Amino acid sequence: MLLVVTGWASVVFAVGTAVHAFVVVDEQTLTRMMVLAGADPGQAPGFLVGFRVVGCLYVVGNALGVLALRGPSRWLFWVVLAVNATQAAGVKLVPPEVFTAARERFGVVGVLPSLVTDVGALVLVVVLVTASAVTRATWGQVRVLDPG
């Protein structure tokens, strides 16, 4: 069950990250964010390139999580955990002006992709860590001991 939840959550997070990085956060949104933050809005085009590179890395990282649907893999568990733990940190790392600018431009819909991916990633990390701590195994897999 945990593998299925991870796989489908990864699909949602990949799509949400792509929408956030390529639809919501564009040059106009970034320029407004920089004005709100008191930064030089002339740097928006260069910042946008870096933002989208990071966005692409998260899209790929989340897309890898879809492989959980194929079955448990130790390396994949650690990749999913790392990608989602760092994505969850976005709630604290992304300046609040980004959310303000997105909300001003798109309404509440403008903040949903980031909230879904960042908060969803946090929930997934908590579930993965808890399941693994309880079972002492990646993916919360219960190990059956061979009685013979």
C-alpha atoms as a PDB file:
ATOM      1  CA  MET A   1       0.000   0.000   0.000  1.00  0.00           C
ATOM      2  CA  LEU A   2       2.831   2.414   0.869  1.00  0.00           C
ATOM      3  CA  LEU A   3       4.409   1.830  -2.537  1.00  0.00           C
ATOM      4  CA  VAL A   4       1.142   2.638  -4.311  1.00  0.00           C
ATOM      5  CA  VAL A   5       0.613   5.801  -2.254  1.00  0.00           C
ATOM      6  CA  THR A   6       4.194   6.869  -2.956  1.00  0.00           C
ATOM      7  CA  GLY A   7       3.874   6.187  -6.675  1.00  0.00           C
ATOM      8  CA  TRP A   8       0.642   8.146  -7.086  1.00  0.00           C
ATOM      9  CA  ALA A   9       1.807  10.952  -4.802  1.00  0.00           C
ATOM     10  CA  SER A  10       4.924  11.208  -6.959  1.00  0.00           C
ATOM     11  CA  VAL A  11       2.751  11.659 -10.059  1.00  0.00           C
ATOM     12  CA  VAL A  12       0.826  14.468  -8.333  1.00  0.00           C
ATOM     13  CA  PHE A  13       4.040  16.089  -7.070  1.00  0.00           C
ATOM     14  CA  ALA A  14       5.724  15.934 -10.496  1.00  0.00           C
ATOM     15  CA  VAL A  15       2.731  17.584 -12.170  1.00  0.00           C
ATOM     16  CA  GLY A  16       2.355  20.146  -9.376  1.00  0.00           C
ATOM     17  CA  THR A  17       6.034  21.038  -9.534  1.00  0.00           C
ATOM     18  CA  ALA A  18       5.895  21.462 -13.314  1.00  0.00           C
ATOM     19  CA  VAL A  19       2.814  23.703 -13.053  1.00  0.00           C
ATOM     20  CA  HIS A  20       4.449  25.778 -10.318  1.00  0.00           C
ATOM     21  CA  ALA A  21       7.778  26.137 -12.119  1.00  0.00           C
ATOM     22  CA  PHE A  22       6.482  26.751 -15.640  1.00  0.00           C
ATOM     23  CA  VAL A  23       3.013  28.260 -15.317  1.00  0.00           C
ATOM     24  CA  VAL A  24       2.649  30.037 -11.978  1.00  0.00           C
ATOM     25  CA  VAL A  25       6.191  31.316 -11.572  1.00  0.00           C
ATOM     26  CA  ASP A  26       6.972  33.208 -14.728  1.00  0.00           C
ATOM     27  CA  GLU A  27       8.862  36.441 -15.289  1.00  0.00           C
ATOM     28  CA  GLN A  28       5.855  38.589 -14.391  1.00  0.00           C
ATOM     29  CA  THR A  29       5.236  36.738 -11.110  1.00  0.00           C
ATOM     30  CA  LEU A  30       8.940  36.846 -10.232  1.00  0.00           C
ATOM     31  CA  THR A  31       9.203  40.534 -11.018  1.00  0.00           C
ATOM     32  CA  ARG A  32       6.280  41.240  -8.676  1.00  0.00           C
ATOM     33  CA  MET A  33       7.805  38.985  -6.018  1.00  0.00           C
ATOM     34  CA  MET A  34      11.081  40.890  -6.210  1.00  0.00           C
ATOM     35  CA  VAL A  35       9.283  44.246  -5.898  1.00  0.00           C
ATOM     36  CA  LEU A  36       7.416  42.934  -2.844  1.00  0.00           C
ATOM     37  CA  ALA A  37      10.704  41.699  -1.343  1.00  0.00           C
ATOM     38  CA  GLY A  38      12.533  44.942  -2.038  1.00  0.00           C
ATOM     39  CA  ALA A  39      14.945  43.234  -4.431  1.00  0.00           C
ATOM     40  CA  ASP A  40      16.053  44.374  -7.894  1.00  0.00           C
ATOM     41  CA  PRO A  41      13.258  43.307 -10.285  1.00  0.00           C
ATOM     42  CA  GLY A  42      15.727  43.526 -13.165  1.00  0.00           C
ATOM     43  CA  GLN A  43      17.212  40.243 -11.969  1.00  0.00           C
ATOM     44  CA  ALA A  44      13.964  38.318 -12.518  1.00  0.00           C
ATOM     45  CA  PRO A  45      14.976  36.786 -15.895  1.00  0.00           C
ATOM     46  CA  GLY A  46      18.202  35.298 -14.520  1.00  0.00           C
ATOM     47  CA  PHE A  47      16.524  34.114 -11.343  1.00  0.00           C
ATOM     48  CA  LEU A  48      13.779  32.485 -13.401  1.00  0.00           C
ATOM     49  CA  VAL A  49      16.326  30.347 -15.248  1.00  0.00           C
ATOM     50  CA  GLY A  50      17.786  29.063 -11.984  1.00  0.00           C
ATOM     51  CA  PHE A  51      14.321  28.532 -10.512  1.00  0.00           C
ATOM     52  CA  ARG A  52      13.263  26.447 -13.501  1.00  0.00           C
ATOM     53  CA  VAL A  53      16.445  24.363 -13.419  1.00  0.00           C
ATOM     54  CA  VAL A  54      15.682  23.484  -9.803  1.00  0.00           C
ATOM     55  CA  GLY A  55      12.064  22.846 -10.791  1.00  0.00           C
ATOM     56  CA  CYS A  56      13.207  20.415 -13.490  1.00  0.00           C
ATOM     57  CA  LEU A  57      15.357  18.539 -10.972  1.00  0.00           C
ATOM     58  CA  TYR A  58      12.330  18.130  -8.707  1.00  0.00           C
ATOM     59  CA  VAL A  59      10.122  17.022 -11.598  1.00  0.00           C
ATOM     60  CA  VAL A  60      12.691  14.318 -12.413  1.00  0.00           C
ATOM     61  CA  GLY A  61      13.090  13.389  -8.743  1.00  0.00           C
ATOM     62  CA  ASN A  62       9.342  13.093  -8.297  1.00  0.00           C
ATOM     63  CA  ALA A  63       9.025  11.146 -11.544  1.00  0.00           C
ATOM     64  CA  LEU A  64      11.521   8.629 -10.163  1.00  0.00           C
ATOM     65  CA  GLY A  65       9.147   8.104  -7.252  1.00  0.00           C
ATOM     66  CA  VAL A  66       6.617   6.667  -9.707  1.00  0.00           C
ATOM     67  CA  LEU A  67       8.929   3.647  -9.916  1.00  0.00           C
ATOM     68  CA  ALA A  68       7.620   2.689  -6.473  1.00  0.00           C
ATOM     69  CA  LEU A  69       4.611   1.273  -8.325  1.00  0.00           C
ATOM     70  CA  ARG A  70       6.949  -1.432  -9.693  1.00  0.00           C
ATOM     71  CA  GLY A  71       7.908  -2.689  -6.243  1.00  0.00           C
ATOM     72  CA  PRO A  72      10.275  -2.000  -3.364  1.00  0.00           C
ATOM     73  CA  SER A  73      13.807  -0.862  -4.027  1.00  0.00           C
ATOM     74  CA  ARG A  74      16.203   0.283  -1.327  1.00  0.00           C
ATOM     75  CA  TRP A  75      17.916   2.933  -3.477  1.00  0.00           C
ATOM     76  CA  LEU A  76      14.536   4.294  -4.609  1.00  0.00           C
ATOM     77  CA  PHE A  77      13.356   4.613  -1.015  1.00  0.00           C
ATOM     78  CA  TRP A  78      16.305   6.878  -0.205  1.00  0.00           C
ATOM     79  CA  VAL A  79      15.858   8.929  -3.392  1.00  0.00           C
ATOM     80  CA  VAL A  80      12.135   9.419  -2.664  1.00  0.00           C
ATOM     81  CA  LEU A  81      12.906  10.338   0.932  1.00  0.00           C
ATOM     82  CA  ALA A  82      15.594  12.874  -0.064  1.00  0.00           C
ATOM     83  CA  VAL A  83      13.544  14.472  -2.842  1.00  0.00           C
ATOM     84  CA  ASN A  84      10.457  14.795  -0.679  1.00  0.00           C
ATOM     85  CA  ALA A  85      12.304  15.971   2.438  1.00  0.00           C
ATOM     86  CA  THR A  86      13.962  18.779   0.502  1.00  0.00           C
ATOM     87  CA  GLN A  87      10.746  19.609  -1.350  1.00  0.00           C
ATOM     88  CA  ALA A  88       8.886  19.792   1.964  1.00  0.00           C
ATOM     89  CA  ALA A  89      11.453  22.352   3.110  1.00  0.00           C
ATOM     90  CA  GLY A  90      10.101  24.632   0.386  1.00  0.00           C
ATOM     91  CA  VAL A  91       7.366  25.793   2.738  1.00  0.00           C
ATOM     92  CA  LYS A  92      10.061  27.462   4.850  1.00  0.00           C
ATOM     93  CA  LEU A  93      12.648  28.202   2.146  1.00  0.00           C
ATOM     94  CA  VAL A  94      10.432  29.845  -0.462  1.00  0.00           C
ATOM     95  CA  PRO A  95      10.052  33.544   0.367  1.00  0.00           C
ATOM     96  CA  PRO A  96       6.460  34.458   1.301  1.00  0.00           C
ATOM     97  CA  GLU A  97       6.516  37.096  -1.418  1.00  0.00           C
ATOM     98  CA  VAL A  98       6.354  34.296  -4.002  1.00  0.00           C
ATOM     99  CA  PHE A  99       3.012  33.183  -2.580  1.00  0.00           C
ATOM    100  CA  THR A 100       1.764  36.770  -2.393  1.00  0.00           C
ATOM    101  CA  ALA A 101       2.727  37.456  -6.018  1.00  0.00           C
ATOM    102  CA  ALA A 102       1.202  34.158  -7.184  1.00  0.00           C
ATOM    103  CA  ARG A 103      -2.014  34.849  -5.277  1.00  0.00           C
ATOM    104  CA  GLU A 104      -2.222  38.397  -6.665  1.00  0.00           C
ATOM    105  CA  ARG A 105      -1.804  37.122 -10.221  1.00  0.00           C
ATOM    106  CA  PHE A 106      -3.757  33.853 -10.203  1.00  0.00           C
ATOM    107  CA  GLY A 107      -5.835  33.958  -7.015  1.00  0.00           C
ATOM    108  CA  VAL A 108      -5.796  31.033  -4.590  1.00  0.00           C
ATOM    109  CA  VAL A 109      -5.187  28.667  -7.521  1.00  0.00           C
ATOM    110  CA  GLY A 110      -1.731  30.236  -7.885  1.00  0.00           C
ATOM    111  CA  VAL A 111      -0.549  28.921  -4.528  1.00  0.00           C
ATOM    112  CA  LEU A 112      -2.118  25.444  -4.742  1.00  0.00           C
ATOM    113  CA  PRO A 113       0.620  23.691  -6.774  1.00  0.00           C
ATOM    114  CA  SER A 114       3.305  24.687  -4.300  1.00  0.00           C
ATOM    115  CA  LEU A 115       1.177  23.946  -1.247  1.00  0.00           C
ATOM    116  CA  VAL A 116       0.154  20.525  -2.577  1.00  0.00           C
ATOM    117  CA  THR A 117       3.716  19.541  -3.462  1.00  0.00           C
ATOM    118  CA  ASP A 118       5.429  20.959  -0.379  1.00  0.00           C
ATOM    119  CA  VAL A 119       2.868  19.953   2.250  1.00  0.00           C
ATOM    120  CA  GLY A 120       2.182  16.646   0.483  1.00  0.00           C
ATOM    121  CA  ALA A 121       5.912  15.914   0.434  1.00  0.00           C
ATOM    122  CA  LEU A 122       6.081  16.587   4.175  1.00  0.00           C
ATOM    123  CA  VAL A 123       3.198  14.182   4.825  1.00  0.00           C
ATOM    124  CA  LEU A 124       4.822  11.526   2.624  1.00  0.00           C
ATOM    125  CA  VAL A 125       8.158  11.900   4.450  1.00  0.00           C
ATOM    126  CA  VAL A 126       6.459  11.506   7.825  1.00  0.00           C
ATOM    127  CA  VAL A 127       4.621   8.398   6.611  1.00  0.00           C
ATOM    128  CA  LEU A 128       7.765   6.844   5.080  1.00  0.00           C
ATOM    129  CA  VAL A 129       9.912   7.536   8.135  1.00  0.00           C
ATOM    130  CA  THR A 130       7.241   6.300  10.538  1.00  0.00           C
ATOM    131  CA  ALA A 131       6.590   3.088   8.589  1.00  0.00           C
ATOM    132  CA  SER A 132      10.300   2.406   8.305  1.00  0.00           C
ATOM    133  CA  ALA A 133      10.940   3.124  11.978  1.00  0.00           C
ATOM    134  CA  VAL A 134       8.144   0.796  13.048  1.00  0.00           C
ATOM    135  CA  THR A 135       9.231  -2.064  10.777  1.00  0.00           C
ATOM    136  CA  ARG A 136      12.948  -1.237  10.745  1.00  0.00           C
ATOM    137  CA  ALA A 137      12.934  -1.694   6.989  1.00  0.00           C
ATOM    138  CA  THR A 138      12.672   0.540   3.944  1.00  0.00           C
ATOM    139  CA  TRP A 139       9.157   0.970   2.574  1.00  0.00           C
ATOM    140  CA  GLY A 140       7.785  -0.368   5.853  1.00  0.00           C
ATOM    141  CA  GLN A 141       8.218  -3.885   4.529  1.00  0.00           C
ATOM    142  CA  VAL A 142       7.661  -6.501   7.190  1.00  0.00           C
ATOM    143  CA  ARG A 143      10.320  -9.151   7.013  1.00  0.00           C
ATOM    144  CA  VAL A 144       9.155 -12.693   7.437  1.00  0.00           C
ATOM    145  CA  LEU A 145      11.640 -14.848   9.287  1.00  0.00           C
ATOM    146  CA  ASP A 146      12.275 -18.289   7.882  1.00  0.00           C
ATOM    147  CA  PRO A 147      11.470 -20.746  10.676  1.00  0.00           C
ATOM    148  CA  GLY A 148      13.646 -23.412   9.103  1.00  0.00           C
END
